């Protein structure tokens, strides 16, 4: 129970007696004042929630409410998979409380592919900056200590642009010691209370083995960061007939394709595109995620961008471009002017890797945009075709010094999203006619971090890059990207550069 008294959230904090380490200040930024071993910042890594993870909903609390009135937080379990002792799987949506879920994690020998016989992952020493925080345990902290921890969580959320990852059961030197069941429950309750103070939500991504107990990886996501939604831009590339528009249609509608083009008809605007299945221009489509990691597109009747954005805390914008070779200049234009964070390469398992596919891989790496690969049509392709296509992709990726990871379970999803910006390229196998095959891919999309720190450019002089011009009822409407500063209504801007490089 989180409340007053020695048995609640607030009590004696044994870790406060430990000697605090000196602070580090890099690049003129000062981290939070709390630099104790328990509260010291961790190495920057990827973060996010997962579809199929556990969503902890922290109840809201006003600042003026007495600490004794804080109620126990809830944990909601959504469509998670637990391999039972006999090897079965449980996929039904259900709800459980915090104690019940943690007890089940400690009771079963295998959970989400993690076994007690697996090798314990050793972590690097934590850093003072970034969005990842190591916590050994958060049991009975004093009120003063809690205030320090909340300040630190706010700092982590700012570093992660509204998202932060906490690893409970890990010491500040990266030692994965782990926690016993009771300490883990109390630590998660404390973390949930901290998040509620910042109006943030908690999603339990996974639990894995530690040296002497379990380790919990938890994502903290702010409901809304300074009125600005998290926006991740993903450019979708692939050969003709690879299933790019079909995949986007399944993600936005939540309904599987019928194998006859039903899904792509929801995202193709022109009649000839719906008939031929070939995209002839650049389209933008959005998929929204709320703070619990659910896709908000599926909660509304119409595909209204305004409603999706209003319900979401994170937006994934898909930029769909035609796959024919004649659209090569259009692809280069998109990579230069639309500022994608990632490139999603869609490859048909039945058609294999073509010269056109190789060119798109080369373009992505030449523009230094991280690449994600999705193999479609895995339901109609033979096993030999799937293996041949995968081997060809791995060979191409290794030519560019990239390490391909075949995503098979939640662990692969978390690890690939964490190292995507480095040299890792995740490889997914899906079928658009089977929504269940998209589970790990949807989880991955929700985990994708924002590539660029746009908030750091808010105070700079405004600069708007024009990429589109429309004519509506005789009036010109421009579209593009604000790459610096802030543009408001009735905000005067200079247009240029002209022939002489001047602005007017």
Protein backbone atom coordinates (compact mmCIF):
# COMPACT_ATOMS: atom_id res chain seq x y z
CA UNK A 1 0.00 0.00 0.00
CA UNK A 2 1.44 3.38 -0.96
CA UNK A 3 0.65 5.73 1.88
CA UNK A 4 1.87 7.03 5.19
CA UNK A 5 3.58 4.97 7.86
CA UNK A 6 6.63 2.78 7.87
CA UNK A 7 4.93 0.12 5.76
CA UNK A 8 3.93 2.53 2.97
CA UNK A 9 5.80 4.54 0.39
CA UNK A 10 7.46 6.87 2.86
CA UNK A 11 9.70 5.57 5.61
CA UNK A 12 13.37 5.07 6.34
CA UNK A 13 15.66 5.09 3.32
CA UNK A 14 18.70 2.93 3.94
CA UNK A 15 20.29 3.96 0.66
CA UNK A 16 20.44 7.61 1.75
CA UNK A 17 23.19 6.58 4.15
CA UNK A 18 25.44 5.68 1.20
CA UNK A 19 28.11 8.16 0.23
CA UNK A 20 27.09 10.29 -2.75
CA UNK A 21 29.31 10.49 -5.79
CA UNK A 22 30.49 13.84 -7.18
CA UNK A 23 28.43 15.40 -9.97
CA UNK A 24 29.48 15.70 -13.58
CA UNK A 25 28.52 18.61 -15.78
CA UNK A 26 28.88 18.24 -19.55
CA UNK A 27 28.15 20.70 -22.29
CA UNK A 28 26.97 23.36 -19.88
CA UNK A 29 23.97 21.29 -18.74
CA UNK A 30 23.51 20.54 -15.08
CA UNK A 31 21.81 17.29 -14.11
CA UNK A 32 19.44 17.04 -11.14
CA UNK A 33 20.93 17.57 -7.69
CA UNK A 34 20.28 13.99 -6.63
CA UNK A 35 23.42 12.08 -7.60
CA UNK A 36 23.27 9.26 -5.04
CA UNK A 37 24.12 5.77 -6.31
CA UNK A 38 20.40 5.00 -6.46
CA UNK A 39 19.47 8.20 -8.27
CA UNK A 40 22.47 8.68 -10.54
CA UNK A 41 21.66 8.89 -14.26
CA UNK A 42 22.26 5.98 -16.59
CA UNK A 43 23.75 5.26 -19.98
CA UNK A 44 21.65 6.68 -22.84
CA UNK A 45 19.69 3.93 -24.50
CA UNK A 46 16.50 3.50 -26.44
CA UNK A 47 13.22 3.57 -24.64
CA UNK A 48 9.55 3.06 -25.23
CA UNK A 49 6.57 0.85 -24.54
CA UNK A 50 5.44 -2.24 -26.23
CA UNK A 51 2.20 -3.57 -27.53
CA UNK A 52 1.90 -6.68 -25.41
CA UNK A 53 3.65 -5.10 -22.43
CA UNK A 54 2.18 -4.30 -19.04
CA UNK A 55 0.69 -0.83 -18.68
CA UNK A 56 0.77 0.66 -15.19
CA UNK A 57 -1.78 3.43 -14.89
CA UNK A 58 -0.85 5.78 -12.05
CA UNK A 59 -3.70 7.64 -10.45
CA UNK A 60 -3.56 11.41 -10.54
CA UNK A 61 -2.78 13.34 -7.37
CA UNK A 62 -2.79 17.06 -6.67
CA UNK A 63 0.14 18.71 -4.97
CA UNK A 64 -1.98 19.92 -2.04
CA UNK A 65 -3.34 16.48 -1.21
CA UNK A 66 -1.81 14.97 1.96
CA UNK A 67 0.63 12.17 1.46
CA UNK A 68 -1.50 9.86 3.60
CA UNK A 69 -4.30 10.05 1.00
CA UNK A 70 -2.22 8.59 -1.83
CA UNK A 71 -3.90 5.37 -2.90
CA UNK A 72 -2.29 2.24 -4.23
CA UNK A 73 -1.59 2.46 -7.94
CA UNK A 74 -3.02 0.06 -10.48
CA UNK A 75 -1.33 -2.04 -13.12
CA UNK A 76 -3.32 -3.01 -16.20
CA UNK A 77 -2.20 -6.00 -18.28
CA UNK A 78 -2.96 -5.85 -22.01
CA UNK A 79 -2.62 -8.82 -24.34
CA UNK A 80 0.60 -10.17 -22.95
CA UNK A 81 2.00 -13.59 -23.74
CA UNK A 82 3.24 -15.89 -21.01
CA UNK A 83 4.64 -19.27 -21.91
CA UNK A 84 3.32 -21.70 -19.33
CA UNK A 85 5.23 -24.66 -17.95
CA UNK A 86 3.66 -26.94 -20.57
CA UNK A 87 4.70 -24.62 -23.40
CA UNK A 88 1.28 -23.12 -24.10
CA UNK A 89 0.56 -19.45 -24.67
CA UNK A 90 -2.05 -17.19 -23.15
CA UNK A 91 -3.20 -14.35 -25.41
CA UNK A 92 -6.52 -13.16 -23.96
CA UNK A 93 -6.83 -9.61 -22.72
CA UNK A 94 -7.03 -9.53 -18.92
CA UNK A 95 -6.41 -7.26 -16.00
CA UNK A 96 -4.45 -7.94 -12.86
CA UNK A 97 -3.06 -5.92 -9.98
CA UNK A 98 0.59 -5.21 -9.35
CA UNK A 99 1.14 -7.95 -6.78
CA UNK A 100 -0.56 -10.60 -8.89
CA UNK A 101 1.47 -9.80 -11.99
CA UNK A 102 4.83 -9.66 -10.19
CA UNK A 103 4.05 -12.89 -8.34
CA UNK A 104 3.27 -14.59 -11.64
CA UNK A 105 6.59 -13.37 -13.08
CA UNK A 106 8.49 -14.80 -10.12
CA UNK A 107 6.46 -18.02 -10.11
CA UNK A 108 6.83 -19.18 -13.70
CA UNK A 109 10.15 -20.45 -15.00
CA UNK A 110 9.68 -19.01 -18.48
CA UNK A 111 8.20 -15.62 -19.32
CA UNK A 112 8.37 -13.95 -22.74
CA UNK A 113 11.14 -16.32 -23.76
CA UNK A 114 13.28 -15.55 -20.70
CA UNK A 115 14.34 -18.54 -18.59
CA UNK A 116 16.10 -18.85 -15.28
CA UNK A 117 18.87 -20.73 -17.08
CA UNK A 118 19.68 -17.87 -19.42
CA UNK A 119 22.87 -15.89 -19.06
CA UNK A 120 22.50 -12.67 -17.07
CA UNK A 121 23.14 -9.61 -19.20
CA UNK A 122 25.94 -7.41 -17.85
CA UNK A 123 25.38 -3.69 -18.38
CA UNK A 124 27.77 -0.80 -18.85
CA UNK A 125 28.27 1.77 -16.12
CA UNK A 126 25.56 4.41 -16.05
CA UNK A 127 25.91 7.91 -17.39
CA UNK A 128 24.75 11.21 -15.93
CA UNK A 129 22.79 12.08 -19.08
CA UNK A 130 20.28 10.39 -21.35
CA UNK A 131 16.84 8.90 -20.83
CA UNK A 132 17.83 5.63 -19.10
CA UNK A 133 17.99 5.37 -15.33
CA UNK A 134 19.31 2.49 -13.20
CA UNK A 135 17.66 1.88 -9.82
CA UNK A 136 18.63 -0.96 -7.57
CA UNK A 137 15.56 -0.58 -5.36
CA UNK A 138 13.08 2.08 -4.27
CA UNK A 139 11.84 0.74 -0.96
CA UNK A 140 10.50 3.10 1.74
CA UNK A 141 12.21 6.31 0.60
CA UNK A 142 11.81 9.37 2.80
CA UNK A 143 9.63 12.28 1.56
CA UNK A 144 12.76 14.31 0.87
CA UNK A 145 14.23 11.44 -1.10
CA UNK A 146 11.04 11.11 -3.15
CA UNK A 147 11.20 14.77 -4.14
CA UNK A 148 14.77 14.25 -5.36
CA UNK A 149 13.69 11.18 -7.36
CA UNK A 150 10.77 13.05 -8.95
CA UNK A 151 13.11 15.86 -9.98
CA UNK A 152 15.40 13.31 -11.53
CA UNK A 153 12.54 11.61 -13.38
CA UNK A 154 11.56 14.97 -14.84
CA UNK A 155 15.14 15.41 -16.05
CA UNK A 156 15.09 11.95 -17.65
CA UNK A 157 11.81 12.72 -19.43
CA UNK A 158 13.31 15.92 -20.80
CA UNK A 159 16.38 14.03 -22.00
CA UNK A 160 14.18 11.45 -23.75
CA UNK A 161 11.80 14.04 -25.25
CA UNK A 162 8.91 12.82 -23.10
CA UNK A 163 9.99 9.21 -22.57
CA UNK A 164 12.38 7.57 -20.11
CA UNK A 165 13.45 4.00 -19.34
CA UNK A 166 14.01 2.75 -15.78
CA UNK A 167 15.84 -0.49 -15.01
CA UNK A 168 14.79 -1.63 -11.55
CA UNK A 169 17.20 -4.06 -9.87
CA UNK A 170 20.40 -2.71 -11.47
CA UNK A 171 23.13 -0.99 -9.46
CA UNK A 172 24.66 2.26 -10.66
CA UNK A 173 27.82 0.48 -11.84
CA UNK A 174 25.73 -1.67 -14.20
CA UNK A 175 25.73 -4.73 -11.93
CA UNK A 176 22.42 -6.60 -12.64
CA UNK A 177 21.92 -7.70 -9.06
CA UNK A 178 18.14 -8.04 -9.23
CA UNK A 179 15.46 -7.85 -6.53
CA UNK A 180 13.32 -10.29 -4.63
CA UNK A 181 9.56 -10.22 -5.12
CA UNK A 182 8.55 -7.96 -2.20
CA UNK A 183 11.23 -5.38 -2.92
CA UNK A 184 10.27 -5.36 -6.59
CA UNK A 185 6.61 -4.71 -5.77
CA UNK A 186 7.46 -1.83 -3.44
CA UNK A 187 9.92 -0.36 -5.94
CA UNK A 188 7.34 -0.41 -8.75
CA UNK A 189 4.77 1.23 -6.47
CA UNK A 190 7.23 3.99 -5.66
CA UNK A 191 8.02 4.46 -9.35
CA UNK A 192 4.32 4.60 -10.17
CA UNK A 193 3.76 7.27 -7.52
CA UNK A 194 6.68 9.32 -8.88
CA UNK A 195 5.17 9.15 -12.37
CA UNK A 196 1.74 10.22 -11.10
CA UNK A 197 3.29 13.36 -9.62
CA UNK A 198 4.52 14.27 -13.12
CA UNK A 199 1.24 13.20 -14.77
CA UNK A 200 3.07 10.44 -16.59
CA UNK A 201 2.17 6.80 -17.19
CA UNK A 202 4.21 3.66 -16.64
CA UNK A 203 4.50 0.66 -18.94
CA UNK A 204 6.30 -2.46 -17.75
CA UNK A 205 8.19 -3.64 -20.84
CA UNK A 206 9.66 -6.88 -19.55
CA UNK A 207 11.17 -8.68 -16.56
CA UNK A 208 14.33 -10.72 -16.82
CA UNK A 209 16.75 -12.60 -14.65
CA UNK A 210 19.28 -10.87 -12.41
CA UNK A 211 22.11 -12.31 -10.36
CA UNK A 212 19.96 -12.67 -7.22
CA UNK A 213 16.45 -11.94 -8.39
CA UNK A 214 14.54 -10.22 -11.16
CA UNK A 215 15.14 -7.02 -13.13
CA UNK A 216 12.25 -4.93 -14.46
CA UNK A 217 12.54 -2.67 -17.50
CA UNK A 218 9.95 0.09 -17.23
CA UNK A 219 9.04 2.87 -19.64
CA UNK A 220 7.81 6.21 -18.28
CA UNK A 221 5.90 8.31 -20.80
CA UNK A 222 4.58 11.81 -20.25
CA UNK A 223 0.97 12.24 -21.32
CA UNK A 224 1.94 15.37 -23.19
CA UNK A 225 5.24 17.23 -23.23
CA UNK A 226 4.87 21.02 -23.17
CA UNK A 227 1.84 20.76 -25.46
CA UNK A 228 3.97 19.16 -28.21
CA UNK A 229 3.41 15.60 -29.39
CA UNK A 230 6.29 13.22 -29.92
CA UNK A 231 6.56 12.78 -33.69
CA UNK A 232 8.68 10.11 -35.36
CA UNK A 233 8.93 10.25 -39.17
CA UNK A 234 9.34 6.98 -41.04
CA UNK A 235 9.86 6.95 -44.82
CA UNK A 236 8.49 3.74 -46.38
CA UNK A 237 10.50 2.45 -49.36
CA UNK A 238 10.36 -0.76 -51.34
CA UNK A 239 10.00 -2.34 -54.76
CA UNK A 240 6.77 -2.45 -56.76
CA UNK A 241 4.28 -4.86 -55.24
CA UNK A 242 6.18 -5.27 -51.97
CA UNK A 243 3.10 -4.28 -49.94
CA UNK A 244 4.07 -0.83 -48.62
CA UNK A 245 0.64 0.80 -48.84
CA UNK A 246 -1.04 -2.41 -47.71
CA UNK A 247 1.08 -2.50 -44.56
CA UNK A 248 0.27 1.14 -43.77
CA UNK A 249 -3.43 0.43 -44.38
CA UNK A 250 -3.40 -2.45 -41.89
CA UNK A 251 -1.62 -0.33 -39.26
CA UNK A 252 -3.98 2.64 -39.60
CA UNK A 253 -7.21 0.63 -39.78
CA UNK A 254 -6.38 -2.26 -37.47
CA UNK A 255 -8.00 -4.70 -39.93
CA UNK A 256 -6.14 -7.41 -41.86
CA UNK A 257 -5.92 -7.31 -45.63
CA UNK A 258 -8.09 -9.72 -47.56
CA UNK A 259 -5.41 -10.43 -50.16
CA UNK A 260 -7.30 -8.40 -52.77
CA UNK A 261 -6.23 -4.87 -51.89
CA UNK A 262 -8.76 -3.96 -49.20
CA UNK A 263 -6.15 -2.50 -46.86
CA UNK A 264 -4.41 -0.33 -49.44
CA UNK A 265 -7.75 1.08 -50.62
CA UNK A 266 -7.99 2.91 -47.29
CA UNK A 267 -4.76 4.86 -47.91
CA UNK A 268 -4.65 5.25 -51.72
CA UNK A 269 -6.35 8.42 -52.87
CA UNK A 270 -6.48 7.90 -56.64
CA UNK A 271 -8.60 5.32 -58.43
CA UNK A 272 -5.73 4.04 -60.57
CA UNK A 273 -3.63 3.51 -57.44
CA UNK A 274 -6.30 1.41 -55.77
CA UNK A 275 -6.75 -0.59 -58.98
CA UNK A 276 -3.08 -1.21 -59.83
CA UNK A 277 -1.68 -1.13 -56.30
CA UNK A 278 1.07 1.29 -57.37
CA UNK A 279 1.59 4.54 -55.49
CA UNK A 280 2.33 7.45 -57.83
CA UNK A 281 3.07 10.31 -55.42
CA UNK A 282 4.07 11.10 -51.84
CA UNK A 283 1.48 10.40 -49.14
CA UNK A 284 1.58 11.06 -45.42
CA UNK A 285 -0.23 8.78 -42.96
CA UNK A 286 -0.11 8.85 -39.16
CA UNK A 287 -0.40 6.18 -36.49
CA UNK A 288 -0.95 7.46 -32.97
CA UNK A 289 0.02 5.79 -29.70
CA UNK A 290 -1.37 6.76 -26.31
CA UNK A 291 0.61 6.69 -23.09
CA UNK A 292 -0.26 3.00 -22.57
CA UNK A 293 1.12 2.01 -25.99
CA UNK A 294 -2.24 1.43 -27.71
CA UNK A 295 -2.85 2.60 -31.28
CA UNK A 296 -5.40 5.41 -31.11
CA UNK A 297 -6.41 5.11 -34.80
CA UNK A 298 -8.45 2.06 -33.88
CA UNK A 299 -10.44 3.93 -31.21
CA UNK A 300 -12.19 6.36 -33.58
CA UNK A 301 -14.67 5.76 -36.37
CA UNK A 302 -13.09 8.11 -38.94
CA UNK A 303 -9.43 8.44 -39.82
CA UNK A 304 -9.38 12.06 -38.64
CA UNK A 305 -5.87 13.38 -38.03
CA UNK A 306 -7.19 15.92 -35.51
CA UNK A 307 -8.84 13.22 -33.42
CA UNK A 308 -5.85 10.88 -33.64
CA UNK A 309 -3.44 13.60 -32.54
CA UNK A 310 -5.75 14.68 -29.73
CA UNK A 311 -5.90 11.13 -28.32
CA UNK A 312 -2.18 10.37 -28.76
CA UNK A 313 1.00 11.16 -26.87
CA UNK A 314 3.22 9.86 -29.67
CA UNK A 315 2.76 10.07 -33.43
CA UNK A 316 4.47 7.91 -36.05
CA UNK A 317 4.23 9.62 -39.46
CA UNK A 318 4.62 7.30 -42.43
CA UNK A 319 5.85 8.87 -45.68
CA UNK A 320 4.74 6.56 -48.49
CA UNK A 321 6.58 6.90 -51.83
CA UNK A 322 6.13 4.92 -55.03
CA UNK A 323 8.47 1.98 -55.50
CA UNK A 324 9.10 2.16 -59.25
CA UNK A 325 12.60 3.06 -60.44
CA UNK A 326 11.26 6.17 -62.18
CA UNK A 327 10.51 7.63 -58.74
CA UNK A 328 14.19 7.61 -57.69
CA UNK A 329 14.38 11.43 -57.85
CA UNK A 330 11.24 11.64 -55.74
CA UNK A 331 12.85 9.40 -53.11
CA UNK A 332 15.97 11.57 -53.02
CA UNK A 333 13.75 14.64 -52.71
CA UNK A 334 11.95 13.04 -49.76
CA UNK A 335 15.17 12.08 -47.99
CA UNK A 336 16.48 15.63 -48.39
CA UNK A 337 13.40 17.71 -47.65
CA UNK A 338 11.05 15.67 -45.47
CA UNK A 339 13.59 14.95 -42.70
CA UNK A 340 12.74 11.28 -42.00
CA UNK A 341 14.02 9.82 -38.73
CA UNK A 342 14.07 6.28 -40.13
CA UNK A 343 13.65 4.40 -43.40
CA UNK A 344 11.34 1.39 -43.43
CA UNK A 345 12.34 -0.93 -46.27
CA UNK A 346 9.54 -3.30 -47.31
CA UNK A 347 10.68 -6.42 -49.18
CA UNK A 348 8.44 -9.13 -50.59
CA UNK A 349 9.60 -12.55 -49.44
CA UNK A 350 8.19 -14.14 -52.59
CA UNK A 351 9.78 -11.66 -55.02
CA UNK A 352 13.15 -11.53 -53.27
CA UNK A 353 15.81 -8.83 -53.32
CA UNK A 354 16.00 -6.93 -56.61
CA UNK A 355 18.37 -4.30 -57.98
CA UNK A 356 15.75 -1.70 -57.08
CA UNK A 357 15.83 -2.93 -53.47
CA UNK A 358 19.63 -2.69 -53.37
CA UNK A 359 19.47 0.91 -54.62
CA UNK A 360 17.06 1.91 -51.86
CA UNK A 361 19.27 0.35 -49.19
CA UNK A 362 22.22 2.28 -50.62
CA UNK A 363 20.27 5.56 -50.60
CA UNK A 364 19.24 5.15 -46.97
CA UNK A 365 22.80 4.61 -45.80
CA UNK A 366 24.24 7.34 -48.03
CA UNK A 367 21.87 9.83 -46.38
CA UNK A 368 22.78 8.32 -42.98
CA UNK A 369 19.20 7.43 -42.09
CA UNK A 370 18.76 4.34 -39.83
CA UNK A 371 17.14 1.42 -41.65
CA UNK A 372 14.41 -1.02 -40.59
CA UNK A 373 13.57 -4.00 -42.84
CA UNK A 374 10.19 -5.72 -43.06
CA UNK A 375 9.67 -8.89 -45.10
CA UNK A 376 6.06 -9.19 -46.30
CA UNK A 377 4.09 -11.97 -48.03
CA UNK A 378 5.58 -14.53 -45.63
CA UNK A 379 2.23 -16.34 -45.67
CA UNK A 380 2.30 -17.06 -49.42
CA UNK A 381 6.06 -17.46 -49.93
CA UNK A 382 7.65 -20.88 -49.57
CA UNK A 383 10.16 -21.58 -46.82
CA UNK A 384 12.95 -21.63 -49.40
CA UNK A 385 11.90 -18.21 -50.72
CA UNK A 386 11.81 -16.73 -47.22
CA UNK A 387 15.25 -18.12 -46.36
CA UNK A 388 16.76 -16.99 -49.67
CA UNK A 389 15.40 -13.45 -49.29
CA UNK A 390 16.59 -13.21 -45.69
CA UNK A 391 20.09 -14.41 -46.59
CA UNK A 392 20.31 -11.87 -49.43
CA UNK A 393 19.24 -9.05 -47.09
CA UNK A 394 21.76 -10.06 -44.45
CA UNK A 395 24.52 -10.14 -47.04
CA UNK A 396 23.63 -6.64 -48.30
CA UNK A 397 23.41 -5.17 -44.81
CA UNK A 398 26.77 -6.61 -43.79
CA UNK A 399 28.34 -4.94 -46.84
CA UNK A 400 27.45 -1.63 -45.16
CA UNK A 401 28.86 -2.77 -41.79
CA UNK A 402 25.38 -3.24 -40.35
CA UNK A 403 24.41 -6.03 -37.99
CA UNK A 404 21.00 -7.53 -38.94
CA UNK A 405 18.84 -8.87 -36.12
CA UNK A 406 15.98 -11.23 -36.95
CA UNK A 407 13.23 -10.17 -34.53
CA UNK A 408 11.62 -13.24 -32.96
CA UNK A 409 10.50 -12.13 -29.49
CA UNK A 410 10.10 -9.16 -27.17
CA UNK A 411 13.76 -9.28 -26.17
CA UNK A 412 14.83 -8.79 -29.79
CA UNK A 413 12.36 -5.89 -30.12
CA UNK A 414 13.78 -4.05 -27.12
CA UNK A 415 17.41 -4.65 -28.04
CA UNK A 416 17.04 -3.72 -31.72
CA UNK A 417 15.20 -0.49 -30.94
CA UNK A 418 17.86 0.38 -28.38
CA UNK A 419 20.78 0.09 -30.81
CA UNK A 420 19.02 1.12 -34.02
CA UNK A 421 20.92 4.40 -34.27
CA UNK A 422 24.24 2.58 -34.08
CA UNK A 423 24.92 -0.34 -36.43
CA UNK A 424 21.90 -2.59 -35.86
CA UNK A 425 19.22 -3.21 -38.49
CA UNK A 426 16.14 -5.14 -37.27
CA UNK A 427 14.49 -7.59 -39.66
CA UNK A 428 10.78 -8.42 -39.25
CA UNK A 429 8.78 -11.19 -40.97
CA UNK A 430 5.09 -10.37 -41.30
CA UNK A 431 1.93 -10.99 -43.27
CA UNK A 432 -0.59 -8.20 -43.78
CA UNK A 433 -3.39 -10.77 -43.86
CA UNK A 434 -2.55 -11.80 -40.29
CA UNK A 435 -2.63 -8.95 -37.75
CA UNK A 436 -1.09 -11.19 -35.07
CA UNK A 437 2.14 -11.34 -37.08
CA UNK A 438 2.44 -7.55 -36.69
CA UNK A 439 2.53 -7.67 -32.88
CA UNK A 440 6.29 -7.28 -32.49
CA UNK A 441 6.48 -4.72 -35.27
CA UNK A 442 3.83 -2.52 -33.64
CA UNK A 443 5.70 -2.81 -30.35
CA UNK A 444 8.85 -1.73 -32.15
CA UNK A 445 7.14 1.33 -33.64
CA UNK A 446 6.02 2.43 -30.21
CA UNK A 447 9.57 2.02 -28.91
CA UNK A 448 11.14 4.13 -31.67
CA UNK A 449 12.76 7.22 -30.13
CA UNK A 450 12.72 10.69 -31.62
CA UNK A 451 15.92 10.99 -33.62
CA UNK A 452 16.45 14.76 -33.43
CA UNK A 453 16.06 16.99 -30.39
CA UNK A 454 13.75 19.59 -31.89
CA UNK A 455 13.05 21.16 -28.50
CA UNK A 456 16.64 22.38 -28.30
CA UNK A 457 16.04 24.47 -31.45
CA UNK A 458 12.91 26.25 -30.18
CA UNK A 459 14.80 29.35 -29.07
CA UNK A 460 16.61 29.82 -32.40
CA UNK A 461 15.53 32.14 -35.18
CA UNK A 462 12.52 30.69 -37.04
CA UNK A 463 13.17 28.75 -40.23
CA UNK A 464 10.48 26.94 -42.22
CA UNK A 465 11.44 24.58 -45.06
CA UNK A 466 8.78 24.55 -47.81
CA UNK A 467 8.20 21.15 -49.40
CA UNK A 468 4.68 21.48 -50.85
CA UNK A 469 2.48 24.23 -52.34
CA UNK A 470 -1.28 23.78 -52.76
CA UNK A 471 -3.98 25.86 -54.39
CA UNK A 472 -7.35 25.89 -52.61
CA UNK A 473 -10.11 28.20 -53.87
CA UNK A 474 -7.55 30.48 -55.48
CA UNK A 475 -5.41 30.74 -52.34
CA UNK A 476 -1.91 29.33 -51.94
CA UNK A 477 -1.24 26.98 -49.05
CA UNK A 478 2.29 25.86 -48.26
CA UNK A 479 3.40 22.78 -46.39
CA UNK A 480 6.75 21.85 -44.94
CA UNK A 481 8.79 21.48 -41.78
CA UNK A 482 9.75 23.97 -39.08
CA UNK A 483 13.43 23.11 -38.67
CA UNK A 484 14.29 25.93 -36.23
CA UNK A 485 12.42 28.21 -33.88
CA UNK A 486 8.63 28.51 -33.60
CA UNK A 487 6.13 29.70 -36.22
CA UNK A 488 2.87 31.17 -34.92
CA UNK A 489 -0.26 32.56 -36.52
CA UNK A 490 0.32 35.95 -38.21
CA UNK A 491 4.08 35.42 -37.83
CA UNK A 492 5.91 37.31 -40.65
CA UNK A 493 8.67 35.38 -42.41
CA UNK A 494 11.09 36.18 -45.23
CA UNK A 495 11.00 34.05 -48.39
CA UNK A 496 14.18 32.86 -50.06
CA UNK A 497 16.91 32.33 -50.92
CA UNK A 498 16.70 34.14 -54.24
CA UNK A 499 19.16 34.02 -57.13
CA UNK A 500 21.61 36.11 -55.13
CA UNK A 501 21.00 34.20 -51.91
CA UNK A 502 18.91 36.98 -50.39
CA UNK A 503 15.55 36.74 -48.59
CA UNK A 504 12.59 39.02 -49.22
